[in-house]
Amino acid sequence: MAMKSQAEKEKREKLEAKDWKPTSVAEFLGLTPDEEKMVELRLALSKGIRDRRCASRLTQEKFARAVGSSQSRVAKMEAGDPAVSLDLLIRSLFKAGADVKEISGIIAGRSSKVG
């Protein structure tokens, strides 16, 4: 672990010597703190949908039929596409059998219990 930290430190020093500034994704994209939280929320819900689908051993197509959507829309949901509303992400989780407690856990960053 110490070797990795040393290597990272050396890499950072080399980049800074060339006037590169280490930054976060949020800083790079110019996101406000609220926008950053919305992105994190969308990604958490998207991951929750994918986890639930995979745990159920369903293809995107079969999952789409189960939640009343299309395969391409499920792919967009799982990818965190901003064209997919948070409402649709949450409704899809409900249709797939998730309850409020599970969705709250997904949002809070806890592993979801699918079953």
Protein backbone atom coordinates (compact mmCIF):
# COMPACT_ATOMS: atom_id res chain seq x y z
CA MET A 1 0.00 0.00 0.00
CA ALA A 2 2.81 2.40 0.84
CA MET A 3 4.35 1.75 -2.58
CA LYS A 4 1.11 2.69 -4.32
CA SER A 5 0.86 5.88 -2.28
CA GLN A 6 4.46 6.74 -3.11
CA ALA A 7 3.86 6.08 -6.81
CA GLU A 8 0.73 8.23 -6.74
CA LYS A 9 2.63 11.00 -4.98
CA GLU A 10 5.41 10.90 -7.59
CA LYS A 11 2.90 10.93 -10.43
CA ARG A 12 1.10 13.90 -8.90
CA GLU A 13 4.38 15.78 -8.47
CA LYS A 14 5.30 15.17 -12.12
CA LEU A 15 1.93 16.43 -13.30
CA GLU A 16 2.06 19.50 -11.07
CA ALA A 17 5.58 20.27 -12.36
CA LYS A 18 4.04 20.47 -15.85
CA ASP A 19 1.35 22.88 -14.58
CA TRP A 20 -1.35 20.23 -14.45
CA LYS A 21 -3.81 20.78 -11.64
CA PRO A 22 -5.28 17.71 -9.92
CA THR A 23 -9.02 18.17 -9.65
CA SER A 24 -12.21 16.26 -9.01
CA VAL A 25 -14.74 15.36 -11.68
CA ALA A 26 -17.16 17.89 -10.19
CA GLU A 27 -14.56 20.65 -10.41
CA PHE A 28 -13.61 19.66 -13.95
CA LEU A 29 -17.25 19.76 -15.08
CA GLY A 30 -18.01 22.87 -13.06
CA LEU A 31 -20.79 21.23 -11.08
CA THR A 32 -22.36 22.96 -8.13
CA PRO A 33 -22.59 20.91 -4.92
CA ASP A 34 -26.31 20.35 -5.61
CA GLU A 35 -25.63 19.20 -9.18
CA GLU A 36 -22.97 16.82 -7.90
CA LYS A 37 -25.47 15.33 -5.43
CA MET A 38 -28.04 14.89 -8.20
CA VAL A 39 -25.50 13.04 -10.36
CA GLU A 40 -24.61 10.79 -7.42
CA LEU A 41 -28.32 10.13 -6.76
CA ARG A 42 -28.98 9.27 -10.40
CA LEU A 43 -25.97 6.92 -10.51
CA ALA A 44 -27.00 5.20 -7.27
CA LEU A 45 -30.53 4.58 -8.56
CA SER A 46 -29.15 3.40 -11.91
CA LYS A 47 -26.87 0.94 -10.15
CA GLY A 48 -29.80 -0.20 -8.01
CA ILE A 49 -31.80 -1.01 -11.13
CA ARG A 50 -28.91 -2.93 -12.67
CA ASP A 51 -28.24 -4.81 -9.42
CA ARG A 52 -31.92 -5.78 -9.08
CA ARG A 53 -32.10 -6.90 -12.71
CA CYS A 54 -28.90 -8.95 -12.48
CA ALA A 55 -29.92 -10.51 -9.15
CA SER A 56 -33.17 -11.56 -10.80
CA ARG A 57 -31.16 -13.03 -13.69
CA LEU A 58 -33.13 -11.05 -16.22
CA THR A 59 -31.95 -9.65 -19.52
CA GLN A 60 -32.61 -5.98 -20.13
CA GLU A 61 -35.38 -7.01 -22.51
CA LYS A 62 -37.15 -9.22 -19.95
CA PHE A 63 -36.69 -6.61 -17.24
CA ALA A 64 -38.14 -3.97 -19.57
CA ARG A 65 -41.26 -6.09 -20.13
CA ALA A 66 -41.61 -6.59 -16.37
CA VAL A 67 -41.53 -2.86 -15.66
CA GLY A 68 -43.48 -1.80 -18.76
CA SER A 69 -40.63 -0.21 -20.65
CA SER A 70 -38.30 -0.92 -23.56
CA GLN A 71 -34.87 -2.54 -23.60
CA SER A 72 -33.27 0.67 -24.86
CA ARG A 73 -34.86 2.64 -22.01
CA VAL A 74 -33.57 0.11 -19.46
CA ALA A 75 -30.08 0.47 -20.98
CA LYS A 76 -30.37 4.25 -20.57
CA MET A 77 -31.62 3.82 -16.99
CA GLU A 78 -28.67 1.61 -16.10
CA ALA A 79 -26.23 4.02 -17.77
CA GLY A 80 -27.48 6.96 -15.72
CA ASP A 81 -28.58 8.82 -18.85
CA PRO A 82 -29.80 12.29 -17.84
CA ALA A 83 -32.70 11.95 -20.31
CA VAL A 84 -34.21 9.39 -17.90
CA SER A 85 -36.13 11.08 -15.10
CA LEU A 86 -35.54 10.30 -11.46
CA ASP A 87 -39.25 9.55 -11.32
CA LEU A 88 -38.87 6.79 -13.92
CA LEU A 89 -35.86 5.33 -12.11
CA ILE A 90 -37.78 5.12 -8.84
CA ARG A 91 -41.03 3.87 -10.43
CA SER A 92 -39.05 1.14 -12.22
CA LEU A 93 -37.52 0.01 -8.95
CA PHE A 94 -40.99 -0.17 -7.41
CA LYS A 95 -42.34 -2.13 -10.40
CA ALA A 96 -39.38 -4.49 -10.07
CA GLY A 97 -40.35 -5.23 -6.47
CA ALA A 98 -38.23 -2.83 -4.48
CA ASP A 99 -39.82 -1.23 -1.45
CA VAL A 100 -39.24 2.19 0.09
CA LYS A 101 -36.71 0.76 2.54
CA GLU A 102 -34.62 -0.77 -0.26
CA ILE A 103 -34.74 2.41 -2.34
CA SER A 104 -33.77 4.44 0.72
CA GLY A 105 -30.80 2.12 1.18
CA ILE A 106 -29.77 2.55 -2.44
CA ILE A 107 -29.92 6.32 -2.08
CA ALA A 108 -28.01 6.17 1.21
CA GLY A 109 -25.30 4.08 -0.43
CA ARG A 110 -26.05 0.84 1.36
CA SER A 111 -26.16 -2.41 -0.55
CA SER A 112 -29.65 -3.30 -1.63
CA LYS A 113 -31.17 -6.56 -0.49
CA VAL A 114 -32.88 -8.06 -3.46
CA GLY A 115 -35.25 -10.84 -2.77
